[in-house]
Protein backbone atom coordinates (compact mmCIF):
# COMPACT_ATOMS: atom_id res chain seq x y z
CA MET A 1 16.07 64.57 -40.92
CA LYS A 2 16.66 61.79 -43.44
CA LYS A 3 20.21 60.46 -43.72
CA VAL A 4 21.98 59.77 -47.03
CA LEU A 5 25.28 57.90 -47.34
CA ILE A 6 27.35 58.60 -50.46
CA ILE A 7 29.81 55.86 -51.48
CA GLU A 8 31.86 57.50 -54.23
CA ASP A 9 35.62 57.54 -54.80
CA GLU A 10 35.66 60.81 -56.79
CA ALA A 11 35.77 63.56 -54.19
CA PRO A 12 34.53 66.40 -56.49
CA ILE A 13 31.41 64.42 -57.39
CA ALA A 14 30.80 63.51 -53.76
CA ARG A 15 31.16 67.15 -52.64
CA ILE A 16 28.68 68.35 -55.26
CA LEU A 17 26.15 65.69 -54.28
CA GLN A 18 26.63 66.49 -50.60
CA ALA A 19 26.06 70.20 -51.19
CA TYR A 20 22.84 69.58 -53.13
CA LEU A 21 21.54 67.05 -50.61
CA GLU A 22 22.28 69.20 -47.58
CA ARG A 23 20.39 72.06 -49.24
CA GLU A 24 17.13 70.04 -49.12
CA PRO A 25 18.04 69.36 -46.24
CA TYR A 26 19.37 65.85 -45.69
CA SER A 27 22.05 64.72 -43.29
CA VAL A 28 24.91 63.44 -45.45
CA LYS A 29 28.06 61.39 -44.94
CA TRP A 30 30.59 60.38 -47.55
CA ASN A 31 32.83 57.34 -47.86
CA PRO A 32 35.21 56.74 -50.79
CA GLY A 33 34.61 52.99 -50.74
CA ASP A 34 37.34 52.05 -48.30
CA GLY A 35 37.45 49.44 -45.56
CA GLY A 36 35.36 51.49 -43.14
CA MET A 37 32.40 51.71 -45.47
CA LEU A 38 30.36 48.83 -44.06
CA ASP A 39 31.03 49.87 -40.46
CA LEU A 40 29.80 53.37 -41.28
CA PHE A 41 26.67 51.94 -42.91
CA LEU A 42 25.92 49.71 -39.91
CA THR A 43 26.57 52.30 -37.22
CA TRP A 44 25.07 55.39 -38.90
CA LYS A 45 22.06 53.52 -40.40
CA PRO A 46 21.28 55.78 -43.38
CA ASP A 47 17.83 56.05 -44.90
CA LEU A 48 19.29 55.81 -48.41
CA VAL A 49 22.64 55.04 -50.09
CA LEU A 50 24.02 56.61 -53.27
CA LEU A 51 26.47 54.00 -54.57
CA ASP A 52 29.11 54.27 -57.29
CA LEU A 53 29.82 50.96 -59.04
CA MET A 54 33.37 51.71 -60.18
CA LEU A 55 35.28 51.91 -56.91
CA PRO A 56 39.10 51.57 -56.83
CA ASP A 57 39.37 48.35 -54.86
CA LEU A 58 35.80 47.08 -54.81
CA ASP A 59 33.04 46.18 -57.24
CA GLY A 60 30.00 48.27 -56.39
CA LEU A 61 27.74 45.27 -56.97
CA ASP A 62 29.61 43.41 -54.23
CA VAL A 63 29.04 46.42 -51.96
CA LEU A 64 25.33 46.26 -52.86
CA LYS A 65 25.25 42.59 -51.85
CA GLN A 66 26.82 43.45 -48.49
CA ILE A 67 24.24 46.15 -47.89
CA ARG A 68 21.42 43.77 -48.81
CA GLN A 69 22.71 41.21 -46.28
CA HIS A 70 22.08 43.75 -43.54
CA GLY A 71 18.67 45.11 -44.47
CA SER A 72 16.47 46.78 -47.06
CA CYS A 73 17.90 50.31 -47.06
CA PRO A 74 17.11 51.90 -50.46
CA VAL A 75 20.13 52.09 -52.80
CA ILE A 76 20.50 54.28 -55.90
CA ILE A 77 23.41 53.37 -58.16
CA LEU A 78 25.45 56.19 -59.74
CA THR A 79 27.93 55.03 -62.37
CA ALA A 80 29.51 55.53 -65.77
CA ARG A 81 28.45 51.96 -66.63
CA GLY A 82 25.13 53.06 -68.07
CA SER A 83 24.32 50.39 -70.65
CA VAL A 84 20.97 48.59 -70.45
CA PRO A 85 22.61 45.25 -69.40
CA ASP A 86 24.50 47.07 -66.61
CA ARG A 87 21.31 48.75 -65.43
CA LEU A 88 19.38 45.49 -65.44
CA GLN A 89 22.14 43.73 -63.52
CA GLY A 90 22.13 46.41 -60.84
CA LEU A 91 18.34 46.40 -60.53
CA GLN A 92 18.17 42.61 -60.50
CA GLN A 93 20.63 42.55 -57.60
CA GLY A 94 18.46 44.83 -55.51
CA ALA A 95 19.14 48.46 -56.46
CA ASP A 96 16.13 50.78 -56.23
CA ASP A 97 17.19 53.08 -59.05
CA TYR A 98 20.09 53.52 -61.49
CA ILE A 99 21.45 56.87 -62.67
CA PRO A 100 24.20 56.90 -65.32
CA LYS A 101 27.01 59.47 -65.27
CA PRO A 102 27.24 62.26 -66.16
CA PHE A 103 24.13 63.33 -64.31
CA ASP A 104 22.34 66.50 -63.29
CA PRO A 105 22.48 66.90 -59.47
CA ASP A 106 18.89 68.16 -59.49
CA GLU A 107 17.82 64.90 -61.13
CA VAL A 108 19.64 62.94 -58.42
CA ILE A 109 17.78 64.92 -55.75
CA ALA A 110 14.44 64.25 -57.48
CA ARG A 111 15.14 60.52 -57.61
CA VAL A 112 16.27 60.43 -53.98
CA GLN A 113 13.02 62.13 -52.99
CA ALA A 114 10.98 59.71 -55.11
CA VAL A 115 12.63 56.61 -53.63
CA LEU A 116 12.22 57.91 -50.08
CA ARG A 117 8.56 58.74 -50.76
CA ARG A 118 7.95 55.18 -51.98
CA SER A 119 9.67 53.79 -48.88
CA ALA A 120 7.50 55.97 -46.63
CA TYR A 121 4.34 54.97 -48.53
CA MET A 122 5.01 51.29 -47.85
CA ALA A 123 5.67 51.80 -44.14
CA ASP A 124 2.15 51.89 -42.75
CA SER A 125 0.95 50.25 -39.56
CA ARG A 126 -1.06 47.34 -40.94
CA THR A 127 -0.32 43.64 -40.93
CA VAL A 128 -2.08 41.51 -43.53
CA ARG A 129 -2.52 37.74 -43.27
CA LEU A 130 -3.35 35.80 -46.43
CA GLY A 131 -3.49 32.25 -45.18
CA SER A 132 0.07 31.17 -44.43
CA LEU A 133 1.47 34.45 -45.82
CA VAL A 134 1.89 37.29 -43.30
CA VAL A 135 2.88 40.77 -44.49
CA ASP A 136 3.99 43.38 -41.97
CA PHE A 137 3.89 46.83 -43.57
CA THR A 138 5.56 48.43 -40.55
CA ALA A 139 8.62 46.17 -40.50
CA CYS A 140 8.52 45.66 -44.29
CA THR A 141 8.75 41.90 -43.81
CA VAL A 142 6.99 38.89 -45.30
CA TYR A 143 6.65 35.53 -43.56
CA LEU A 144 5.53 32.33 -45.27
CA HIS A 145 4.79 29.35 -43.03
CA ASP A 146 6.41 31.36 -40.20
CA LYS A 147 9.68 31.72 -42.15
CA LEU A 148 11.04 35.13 -43.15
CA LEU A 149 11.31 35.56 -46.92
CA PRO A 150 14.55 37.23 -48.12
CA LEU A 151 13.13 39.88 -50.45
CA TYR A 152 15.00 42.63 -52.26
CA PRO A 153 13.59 46.11 -51.51
CA ARG A 154 12.05 46.41 -54.98
CA ASP A 155 10.53 42.92 -54.68
CA TRP A 156 9.02 43.99 -51.37
CA SER A 157 7.66 47.20 -52.89
CA LEU A 158 6.00 45.35 -55.77
CA LEU A 159 4.53 42.64 -53.54
CA ALA A 160 3.29 45.24 -51.05
CA PHE A 161 1.60 47.19 -53.85
CA LEU A 162 -0.11 44.08 -55.23
CA ILE A 163 -1.28 43.04 -51.76
CA LYS A 164 -2.79 46.49 -51.23
CA HIS A 165 -4.65 46.09 -54.55
CA PRO A 166 -5.74 42.43 -54.63
CA ASN A 167 -7.61 40.92 -57.56
CA GLN A 168 -6.84 43.91 -59.75
CA CYS A 169 -4.89 43.67 -63.00
CA PHE A 170 -2.02 46.07 -63.66
CA SER A 171 -0.05 46.44 -66.88
CA ARG A 172 3.75 46.58 -66.84
CA GLU A 173 3.56 50.30 -67.52
CA GLN A 174 1.21 50.85 -64.56
CA LEU A 175 3.47 48.86 -62.24
CA LEU A 176 6.51 50.81 -63.42
CA ASP A 177 4.67 54.05 -62.70
CA ARG A 178 3.27 53.03 -59.30
CA VAL A 179 6.26 51.07 -57.94
CA TRP A 180 9.36 52.23 -59.82
CA GLY A 181 8.22 55.79 -60.49
CA MET A 182 7.48 57.74 -63.67
CA ASP A 183 11.13 58.80 -64.03
CA TYR A 184 12.41 55.22 -64.23
CA GLU A 185 14.25 54.60 -67.53
CA GLY A 186 15.22 50.93 -67.38
CA GLY A 187 12.37 49.47 -69.46
CA ASP A 188 9.46 47.22 -68.55
CA ARG A 189 11.49 43.97 -68.62
CA VAL A 190 12.43 44.65 -65.00
CA VAL A 191 8.78 44.04 -64.04
CA ASP A 192 8.92 40.51 -65.47
CA THR A 193 12.22 39.84 -63.69
CA THR A 194 10.86 41.04 -60.36
CA ILE A 195 7.64 39.00 -60.76
CA LYS A 196 9.76 35.92 -61.51
CA ARG A 197 11.79 36.42 -58.31
CA LEU A 198 8.61 36.92 -56.28
CA ARG A 199 7.09 33.73 -57.64
CA GLN A 200 10.22 31.81 -56.70
CA CYS A 201 10.06 33.18 -53.16
CA LEU A 202 6.34 32.36 -52.95
CA GLN A 203 6.54 28.91 -54.54
CA ASP A 204 5.43 27.25 -51.27
CA TRP A 205 2.40 29.53 -50.91
CA PRO A 206 -0.68 27.40 -51.62
CA SER A 207 -2.55 28.59 -54.71
CA SER A 208 -5.76 28.07 -52.75
CA GLU A 209 -4.70 31.07 -50.60
CA GLY A 210 -3.32 33.34 -53.30
CA GLU A 211 -1.02 33.60 -56.31
CA ILE A 212 0.42 36.08 -58.77
CA LEU A 213 -1.34 35.58 -62.09
CA THR A 214 -0.30 36.63 -65.57
CA ILE A 215 -3.30 38.05 -67.40
CA ARG A 216 -2.44 37.48 -71.04
CA GLY A 217 -2.16 40.71 -72.98
CA LEU A 218 -2.96 42.81 -69.92
CA GLY A 219 -0.42 42.38 -67.11
CA TYR A 220 -0.28 40.91 -63.60
CA SER A 221 -2.71 40.41 -60.74
CA LEU A 222 -2.42 39.13 -57.19
CA HIS A 223 -5.39 36.80 -56.93
CA VAL A 224 -6.49 36.03 -53.36
CA HIS A 225 -9.42 33.95 -52.13
């Protein structure tokens, strides 16, 4: 049974989410964002986190950074801060999805299922070596020149997708559909931002082995030799 950790200071919202999640069924634990939150995350090891940004004593983005320091567990942000700049900031810092309040619990369940499906899709048993770049689809890790690259979960998902479809061009809309999901509402600028981060991480990857190309007017392609 998949495990979902809810970090939400409003008990009524947390109880509603827990009831809907347990109906699916998922195993659910709730933390209001107090001092024991990180310990619970580390010891329970959830498969996904639902994270409120507006916590009483903490900034949810700081909580997201702490989670990212300890792994690539998928995180969906739930918050009243639903403007486009707020959404982009959350996604740029490593969130897998962003749902503004008020929300429909059934929509939350659908997005949880979609994110978990994408995570399961990426976790196959193959390891791919592209010159000095080694991609392990089981461990969801990427090594360049034998050094582990610190990738956000969404960066990993996009790179993994491109590696599984080398030398093919995908538009922003296609990448949003295949990597972010059809229900994503943040706009296609997030694709450009994620590609930029990937290129920075891969800047020491020799172009003779592979590179992410921009195909003018069409989209992006991972070109490998």
